[in-house]
Amino acid sequence: MNSSSSVAVKYGVFTTIALIAYFLMIKFLGLHTNPWFRMVNGLFMGYGIYMAMKRYKLISGIDFNYINGFKVGLITGFLATFIFALFMGIYMFHLDVDFMNTLLKDWFDDSGYGGGILIFVIIVEGLASTTILTLTFMQILKNSTKVVQKQ
């Protein structure tokens, strides 16, 4: 089964695994409280989305169109974002509460905002980057409708 949703789910899960592995790696290095390392998440997200869209274009051949390619990119990124946010919620609220408190203390003067704002930030960052990356990659992968004219 090589439908657009199966490709998106497969690559969404792979992207999530890469994001979680990267987070755990920087945690073991003691760098997980530095927010600048979150920027690398965009590379993992971009690679996962691009590979999903490229794979879908390969298996759909001449039937590949902008809408289906765009859908694959969005589903891949949204799925990876929500699963990663779920992992981070479990991690912050149950496994390492000090991590959440450290981030809240560093980001806000009043840490009464709660950890929900951290999950919200993860989701907004993921959804925004997914949308931008998908639009960008579709410009590369879309089939041209322009006819080459002889001069």
N, C-alpha and C. Protein backbone atom coordinates (compact mmCIF):
# COMPACT_ATOMS: atom_id res chain seq x y z
N MET A 1 0.85 -1.18 0.00
CA MET A 1 0.00 0.00 0.00
C MET A 1 0.89 1.24 0.00
N ASN A 2 0.86 1.99 -1.07
CA ASN A 2 1.69 3.16 -1.21
C ASN A 2 0.86 4.42 -1.41
N SER A 3 -0.23 4.55 -0.66
CA SER A 3 -1.04 5.75 -0.77
C SER A 3 -0.32 6.91 -0.10
N SER A 4 -0.84 8.09 -0.34
CA SER A 4 -0.19 9.27 0.22
C SER A 4 -0.18 9.23 1.75
N SER A 5 -1.24 8.74 2.35
CA SER A 5 -1.29 8.70 3.81
C SER A 5 -0.32 7.66 4.39
N SER A 6 -0.14 6.53 3.72
CA SER A 6 0.79 5.54 4.25
C SER A 6 2.24 6.04 4.16
N VAL A 7 2.56 6.74 3.09
CA VAL A 7 3.91 7.32 2.96
C VAL A 7 4.10 8.39 4.04
N ALA A 8 3.10 9.23 4.25
CA ALA A 8 3.20 10.30 5.23
C ALA A 8 3.34 9.75 6.65
N VAL A 9 2.58 8.71 6.97
CA VAL A 9 2.67 8.12 8.30
C VAL A 9 4.04 7.49 8.53
N LYS A 10 4.52 6.76 7.53
CA LYS A 10 5.82 6.11 7.65
C LYS A 10 6.92 7.14 7.90
N TYR A 11 6.98 8.18 7.09
CA TYR A 11 8.03 9.18 7.24
C TYR A 11 7.79 10.08 8.45
N GLY A 12 6.53 10.27 8.84
CA GLY A 12 6.24 11.03 10.05
C GLY A 12 6.77 10.33 11.28
N VAL A 13 6.62 9.01 11.33
CA VAL A 13 7.14 8.23 12.45
C VAL A 13 8.67 8.24 12.44
N PHE A 14 9.28 8.09 11.26
CA PHE A 14 10.74 8.15 11.17
C PHE A 14 11.26 9.51 11.62
N THR A 15 10.59 10.57 11.23
CA THR A 15 10.99 11.91 11.64
C THR A 15 10.88 12.08 13.15
N THR A 16 9.81 11.55 13.72
CA THR A 16 9.64 11.61 15.18
C THR A 16 10.76 10.88 15.89
N ILE A 17 11.11 9.72 15.40
CA ILE A 17 12.19 8.94 16.01
C ILE A 17 13.50 9.73 15.96
N ALA A 18 13.76 10.39 14.84
CA ALA A 18 14.98 11.21 14.73
C ALA A 18 14.95 12.38 15.71
N LEU A 19 13.80 13.03 15.85
CA LEU A 19 13.68 14.15 16.78
C LEU A 19 13.89 13.71 18.22
N ILE A 20 13.30 12.59 18.59
CA ILE A 20 13.44 12.07 19.95
C ILE A 20 14.89 11.64 20.20
N ALA A 21 15.49 10.96 19.24
CA ALA A 21 16.88 10.52 19.40
C ALA A 21 17.81 11.73 19.55
N TYR A 22 17.58 12.77 18.77
CA TYR A 22 18.40 13.98 18.87
C TYR A 22 18.22 14.63 20.25
N PHE A 23 16.97 14.72 20.72
CA PHE A 23 16.74 15.31 22.03
C PHE A 23 17.45 14.52 23.12
N LEU A 24 17.33 13.20 23.07
CA LEU A 24 17.98 12.38 24.09
C LEU A 24 19.50 12.48 24.02
N MET A 25 20.03 12.64 22.80
CA MET A 25 21.47 12.78 22.64
C MET A 25 21.96 14.08 23.29
N ILE A 26 21.26 15.20 23.02
CA ILE A 26 21.71 16.45 23.62
C ILE A 26 21.42 16.47 25.13
N LYS A 27 20.43 15.70 25.57
CA LYS A 27 20.17 15.60 27.00
C LYS A 27 21.34 14.90 27.70
N PHE A 28 21.82 13.81 27.11
CA PHE A 28 22.94 13.09 27.70
C PHE A 28 24.24 13.90 27.66
N LEU A 29 24.32 14.86 26.74
CA LEU A 29 25.46 15.77 26.69
C LEU A 29 25.28 16.97 27.62
N GLY A 30 24.10 17.08 28.22
CA GLY A 30 23.81 18.17 29.14
C GLY A 30 23.48 19.48 28.45
N LEU A 31 23.11 19.43 27.20
CA LEU A 31 22.84 20.65 26.42
C LEU A 31 21.36 20.87 26.16
N HIS A 32 20.50 20.06 26.75
CA HIS A 32 19.07 20.10 26.43
C HIS A 32 18.35 21.34 26.96
N THR A 33 18.96 22.09 27.87
CA THR A 33 18.31 23.31 28.36
C THR A 33 18.68 24.54 27.53
N ASN A 34 19.58 24.39 26.59
CA ASN A 34 19.96 25.49 25.71
C ASN A 34 18.97 25.53 24.53
N PRO A 35 18.16 26.59 24.44
CA PRO A 35 17.13 26.62 23.40
C PRO A 35 17.67 26.70 21.97
N TRP A 36 18.94 27.08 21.80
CA TRP A 36 19.49 27.19 20.45
C TRP A 36 19.62 25.83 19.77
N PHE A 37 19.72 24.78 20.54
CA PHE A 37 19.84 23.45 19.94
C PHE A 37 18.53 22.97 19.33
N ARG A 38 17.42 23.65 19.65
CA ARG A 38 16.13 23.30 19.04
C ARG A 38 16.12 23.62 17.55
N MET A 39 16.98 24.52 17.12
CA MET A 39 17.00 24.88 15.70
C MET A 39 17.38 23.69 14.83
N VAL A 40 18.13 22.76 15.36
CA VAL A 40 18.52 21.57 14.59
C VAL A 40 17.29 20.70 14.31
N ASN A 41 16.25 20.81 15.14
CA ASN A 41 15.02 20.07 14.88
C ASN A 41 14.48 20.37 13.48
N GLY A 42 14.68 21.60 13.02
CA GLY A 42 14.22 21.97 11.69
C GLY A 42 14.90 21.18 10.59
N LEU A 43 16.16 20.83 10.80
CA LEU A 43 16.86 20.00 9.80
C LEU A 43 16.25 18.61 9.72
N PHE A 44 15.96 18.02 10.89
CA PHE A 44 15.34 16.69 10.90
C PHE A 44 13.94 16.75 10.29
N MET A 45 13.19 17.79 10.65
CA MET A 45 11.85 17.93 10.11
C MET A 45 11.90 18.13 8.60
N GLY A 46 12.80 18.99 8.14
CA GLY A 46 12.93 19.24 6.71
C GLY A 46 13.32 18.00 5.93
N TYR A 47 14.27 17.26 6.46
CA TYR A 47 14.70 16.04 5.78
C TYR A 47 13.57 15.03 5.71
N GLY A 48 12.84 14.84 6.79
CA GLY A 48 11.73 13.89 6.81
C GLY A 48 10.62 14.27 5.83
N ILE A 49 10.27 15.54 5.81
CA ILE A 49 9.22 16.00 4.89
C ILE A 49 9.68 15.87 3.44
N TYR A 50 10.89 16.29 3.16
CA TYR A 50 11.39 16.21 1.79
C TYR A 50 11.44 14.77 1.30
N MET A 51 11.94 13.87 2.13
CA MET A 51 12.03 12.47 1.71
C MET A 51 10.65 11.86 1.51
N ALA A 52 9.68 12.23 2.35
CA ALA A 52 8.32 11.72 2.18
C ALA A 52 7.72 12.20 0.85
N MET A 53 7.89 13.47 0.58
CA MET A 53 7.34 14.02 -0.66
C MET A 53 8.05 13.45 -1.88
N LYS A 54 9.35 13.28 -1.78
CA LYS A 54 10.11 12.72 -2.89
C LYS A 54 9.71 11.26 -3.13
N ARG A 55 9.54 10.51 -2.06
CA ARG A 55 9.12 9.10 -2.18
C ARG A 55 7.74 9.00 -2.80
N TYR A 56 6.83 9.87 -2.36
CA TYR A 56 5.48 9.84 -2.91
C TYR A 56 5.49 10.20 -4.40
N LYS A 57 6.32 11.16 -4.77
CA LYS A 57 6.41 11.53 -6.18
C LYS A 57 6.95 10.36 -7.00
N LEU A 58 7.91 9.64 -6.44
CA LEU A 58 8.50 8.50 -7.14
C LEU A 58 7.47 7.39 -7.36
N ILE A 59 6.68 7.08 -6.33
CA ILE A 59 5.74 5.96 -6.47
C ILE A 59 4.47 6.34 -7.23
N SER A 60 4.13 7.64 -7.26
CA SER A 60 2.92 8.01 -7.98
C SER A 60 3.18 8.37 -9.44
N GLY A 61 4.44 8.58 -9.79
CA GLY A 61 4.81 8.81 -11.19
C GLY A 61 4.11 10.01 -11.80
N ILE A 62 3.49 9.78 -12.97
CA ILE A 62 2.86 10.89 -13.67
C ILE A 62 1.57 11.35 -12.99
N ASP A 63 1.07 10.57 -12.05
CA ASP A 63 -0.14 10.96 -11.33
C ASP A 63 0.14 11.93 -10.18
N PHE A 64 1.42 12.25 -9.96
CA PHE A 64 1.79 13.18 -8.89
C PHE A 64 1.24 14.56 -9.21
N ASN A 65 0.55 15.16 -8.25
CA ASN A 65 0.09 16.53 -8.42
C ASN A 65 0.39 17.35 -7.17
N TYR A 66 0.21 18.64 -7.31
CA TYR A 66 0.59 19.56 -6.24
C TYR A 66 -0.20 19.28 -4.96
N ILE A 67 -1.48 19.06 -5.08
CA ILE A 67 -2.34 18.87 -3.90
C ILE A 67 -1.91 17.64 -3.11
N ASN A 68 -1.71 16.51 -3.79
CA ASN A 68 -1.32 15.29 -3.08
C ASN A 68 0.09 15.39 -2.48
N GLY A 69 1.00 16.02 -3.19
CA GLY A 69 2.35 16.22 -2.66
C GLY A 69 2.32 17.12 -1.43
N PHE A 70 1.52 18.17 -1.51
CA PHE A 70 1.38 19.08 -0.38
C PHE A 70 0.77 18.36 0.82
N LYS A 71 -0.22 17.53 0.54
CA LYS A 71 -0.87 16.76 1.62
C LYS A 71 0.12 15.83 2.30
N VAL A 72 0.95 15.16 1.54
CA VAL A 72 1.96 14.27 2.11
C VAL A 72 2.90 15.04 3.03
N GLY A 73 3.37 16.19 2.58
CA GLY A 73 4.26 17.00 3.40
C GLY A 73 3.61 17.45 4.70
N LEU A 74 2.38 17.93 4.60
CA LEU A 74 1.69 18.41 5.81
C LEU A 74 1.42 17.28 6.79
N ILE A 75 0.93 16.16 6.30
CA ILE A 75 0.62 15.04 7.20
C ILE A 75 1.90 14.54 7.86
N THR A 76 2.97 14.43 7.11
CA THR A 76 4.25 13.98 7.66
C THR A 76 4.69 14.90 8.81
N GLY A 77 4.73 16.18 8.54
CA GLY A 77 5.19 17.14 9.54
C GLY A 77 4.26 17.27 10.73
N PHE A 78 2.96 17.31 10.47
CA PHE A 78 1.99 17.43 11.57
C PHE A 78 2.05 16.21 12.47
N LEU A 79 2.13 15.03 11.87
CA LEU A 79 2.20 13.81 12.67
C LEU A 79 3.47 13.79 13.52
N ALA A 80 4.60 14.13 12.91
CA ALA A 80 5.85 14.17 13.66
C ALA A 80 5.78 15.19 14.78
N THR A 81 5.17 16.34 14.53
CA THR A 81 5.05 17.38 15.54
C THR A 81 4.21 16.91 16.72
N PHE A 82 3.06 16.32 16.46
CA PHE A 82 2.18 15.93 17.55
C PHE A 82 2.73 14.75 18.35
N ILE A 83 3.36 13.81 17.69
CA ILE A 83 3.95 12.69 18.44
C ILE A 83 5.14 13.18 19.27
N PHE A 84 5.95 14.08 18.71
CA PHE A 84 7.07 14.63 19.47
C PHE A 84 6.57 15.47 20.64
N ALA A 85 5.51 16.24 20.44
CA ALA A 85 4.94 17.03 21.53
C ALA A 85 4.40 16.11 22.63
N LEU A 86 3.81 15.00 22.25
CA LEU A 86 3.34 14.02 23.23
C LEU A 86 4.51 13.46 24.03
N PHE A 87 5.59 13.10 23.33
CA PHE A 87 6.79 12.61 24.01
C PHE A 87 7.32 13.66 24.98
N MET A 88 7.42 14.91 24.52
CA MET A 88 7.95 15.97 25.37
C MET A 88 7.04 16.23 26.57
N GLY A 89 5.73 16.10 26.38
CA GLY A 89 4.80 16.25 27.50
C GLY A 89 5.03 15.19 28.55
N ILE A 90 5.17 13.95 28.12
CA ILE A 90 5.45 12.86 29.05
C ILE A 90 6.80 13.08 29.73
N TYR A 91 7.78 13.49 28.94
CA TYR A 91 9.12 13.71 29.49
C TYR A 91 9.10 14.84 30.53
N MET A 92 8.49 15.97 30.18
CA MET A 92 8.53 17.13 31.06
C MET A 92 7.65 16.99 32.31
N PHE A 93 6.51 16.36 32.17
CA PHE A 93 5.58 16.28 33.29
C PHE A 93 5.80 15.06 34.18
N HIS A 94 6.47 14.02 33.64
CA HIS A 94 6.60 12.79 34.42
C HIS A 94 8.04 12.32 34.64
N LEU A 95 8.91 12.53 33.68
CA LEU A 95 10.26 11.98 33.79
C LEU A 95 11.29 12.97 34.32
N ASP A 96 11.19 14.23 33.92
CA ASP A 96 12.18 15.23 34.33
C ASP A 96 11.51 16.58 34.53
N VAL A 97 10.84 16.73 35.66
CA VAL A 97 10.11 17.96 35.96
C VAL A 97 11.08 19.14 36.12
N ASP A 98 12.30 18.86 36.57
CA ASP A 98 13.29 19.93 36.72
C ASP A 98 13.61 20.59 35.38
N PHE A 99 13.58 19.80 34.30
CA PHE A 99 13.81 20.35 32.96
C PHE A 99 12.77 21.42 32.65
N MET A 100 11.50 21.11 32.90
CA MET A 100 10.42 22.07 32.64
C MET A 100 10.60 23.31 33.51
N ASN A 101 10.90 23.12 34.78
CA ASN A 101 11.06 24.26 35.68
C ASN A 101 12.25 25.13 35.28
N THR A 102 13.33 24.50 34.83
CA THR A 102 14.51 25.25 34.37
C THR A 102 14.17 26.11 33.16
N LEU A 103 13.46 25.53 32.19
CA LEU A 103 13.08 26.30 31.01
C LEU A 103 12.14 27.43 31.36
N LEU A 104 11.16 27.16 32.20
CA LEU A 104 10.21 28.20 32.58
C LEU A 104 10.90 29.33 33.35
N LYS A 105 11.84 28.98 34.20
CA LYS A 105 12.57 29.98 34.97
C LYS A 105 13.41 30.84 34.05
N ASP A 106 14.03 30.23 33.05
CA ASP A 106 14.88 30.98 32.13
C ASP A 106 14.08 31.83 31.14
N TRP A 107 12.90 31.39 30.76
CA TRP A 107 12.12 32.08 29.75
C TRP A 107 11.24 33.18 30.34
N PHE A 108 10.69 32.96 31.53
CA PHE A 108 9.71 33.87 32.10
C PHE A 108 10.12 34.30 33.50
N ASP A 109 9.76 35.53 33.85
CA ASP A 109 10.00 35.99 35.22
C ASP A 109 9.08 35.28 36.20
N ASP A 110 7.87 34.99 35.76
CA ASP A 110 6.89 34.30 36.60
C ASP A 110 6.69 32.91 36.02
N SER A 111 7.11 31.87 36.74
CA SER A 111 7.00 30.51 36.22
C SER A 111 5.62 29.92 36.45
N GLY A 112 4.65 30.75 36.77
CA GLY A 112 3.29 30.27 36.98
C GLY A 112 2.55 29.95 35.69
N TYR A 113 3.20 30.10 34.56
CA TYR A 113 2.56 29.80 33.28
C TYR A 113 2.28 28.31 33.13
N GLY A 114 3.06 27.48 33.76
CA GLY A 114 2.88 26.04 33.66
C GLY A 114 3.56 25.47 32.43
N GLY A 115 3.70 24.17 32.43
CA GLY A 115 4.39 23.50 31.34
C GLY A 115 3.60 23.44 30.06
N GLY A 116 2.30 23.70 30.14
CA GLY A 116 1.49 23.67 28.93
C GLY A 116 1.96 24.64 27.88
N ILE A 117 2.52 25.76 28.31
CA ILE A 117 3.01 26.73 27.34
C ILE A 117 4.21 26.17 26.56
N LEU A 118 4.99 25.32 27.20
CA LEU A 118 6.13 24.70 26.50
C LEU A 118 5.64 23.75 25.41
N ILE A 119 4.61 22.98 25.72
CA ILE A 119 4.02 22.08 24.71
C ILE A 119 3.42 22.91 23.58
N PHE A 120 2.75 24.00 23.93
CA PHE A 120 2.17 24.89 22.93
C PHE A 120 3.25 25.43 21.99
N VAL A 121 4.38 25.85 22.55
CA VAL A 121 5.48 26.38 21.74
C VAL A 121 6.02 25.30 20.79
N ILE A 122 6.16 24.08 21.28
CA ILE A 122 6.64 22.97 20.44
C ILE A 122 5.68 22.75 19.27
N ILE A 123 4.38 22.76 19.57
CA ILE A 123 3.38 22.51 18.52
C ILE A 123 3.37 23.65 17.50
N VAL A 124 3.40 24.89 17.96
CA VAL A 124 3.38 26.02 17.03
C VAL A 124 4.64 26.02 16.16
N GLU A 125 5.80 25.79 16.77
CA GLU A 125 7.04 25.73 15.98
C GLU A 125 6.97 24.61 14.94
N GLY A 126 6.48 23.46 15.34
CA GLY A 126 6.40 22.32 14.42
C GLY A 126 5.44 22.55 13.28
N LEU A 127 4.26 23.09 13.59
CA LEU A 127 3.26 23.32 12.54
C LEU A 127 3.72 24.42 11.58
N ALA A 128 4.32 25.48 12.12
CA ALA A 128 4.79 26.56 11.25
C ALA A 128 5.93 26.08 10.34
N SER A 129 6.90 25.37 10.92
CA SER A 129 8.00 24.90 10.09
C SER A 129 7.53 23.88 9.06
N THR A 130 6.57 23.04 9.43
CA THR A 130 6.02 22.08 8.48
C THR A 130 5.39 22.77 7.29
N THR A 131 4.58 23.78 7.55
CA THR A 131 3.90 24.49 6.47
C THR A 131 4.91 25.17 5.54
N ILE A 132 5.88 25.86 6.12
CA ILE A 132 6.88 26.57 5.31
C ILE A 132 7.74 25.59 4.51
N LEU A 133 8.19 24.52 5.17
CA LEU A 133 9.03 23.54 4.47
C LEU A 133 8.25 22.84 3.35
N THR A 134 7.00 22.52 3.61
CA THR A 134 6.19 21.84 2.58
C THR A 134 5.99 22.75 1.38
N LEU A 135 5.67 24.00 1.62
CA LEU A 135 5.52 24.94 0.49
C LEU A 135 6.83 25.08 -0.29
N THR A 136 7.93 25.13 0.42
CA THR A 136 9.23 25.26 -0.23
C THR A 136 9.57 24.03 -1.07
N PHE A 137 9.40 22.85 -0.49
CA PHE A 137 9.76 21.62 -1.21
C PHE A 137 8.83 21.35 -2.39
N MET A 138 7.58 21.80 -2.30
CA MET A 138 6.70 21.59 -3.45
C MET A 138 7.14 22.42 -4.65
N GLN A 139 7.81 23.54 -4.41
CA GLN A 139 8.33 24.32 -5.53
C GLN A 139 9.43 23.56 -6.26
N ILE A 140 10.14 22.73 -5.52
CA ILE A 140 11.21 21.93 -6.12
C ILE A 140 10.64 20.69 -6.81
N LEU A 141 9.64 20.07 -6.18
CA LEU A 141 9.16 18.77 -6.64
C LEU A 141 7.97 18.81 -7.60
N LYS A 142 7.30 19.94 -7.70
CA LYS A 142 6.10 19.98 -8.54
C LYS A 142 6.45 19.76 -10.01
N ASN A 143 5.48 19.20 -10.72
CA ASN A 143 5.63 19.01 -12.16
C ASN A 143 5.37 20.34 -12.85
N SER A 144 6.21 20.69 -13.77
CA SER A 144 6.05 21.95 -14.49
C SER A 144 4.91 21.84 -15.49
N THR A 145 4.15 22.91 -15.57
CA THR A 145 3.06 22.96 -16.55
C THR A 145 3.42 23.86 -17.72
N LYS A 146 4.63 24.38 -17.69
CA LYS A 146 5.06 25.28 -18.77
C LYS A 146 5.51 24.45 -19.97
N VAL A 147 5.14 24.94 -21.12
CA VAL A 147 5.52 24.28 -22.36
C VAL A 147 6.76 24.99 -22.89
N VAL A 148 7.75 24.21 -23.20
CA VAL A 148 8.97 24.78 -23.76
C VAL A 148 8.68 25.22 -25.19
N GLN A 149 8.96 26.48 -25.46
CA GLN A 149 8.69 27.02 -26.79
C GLN A 149 10.00 27.16 -27.55
N LYS A 150 9.93 26.88 -28.84
CA LYS A 150 11.09 27.04 -29.69
C LYS A 150 11.21 28.49 -30.11
N GLN A 151 12.45 28.96 -30.19
CA GLN A 151 12.64 30.35 -30.60
C GLN A 151 13.01 30.47 -32.02
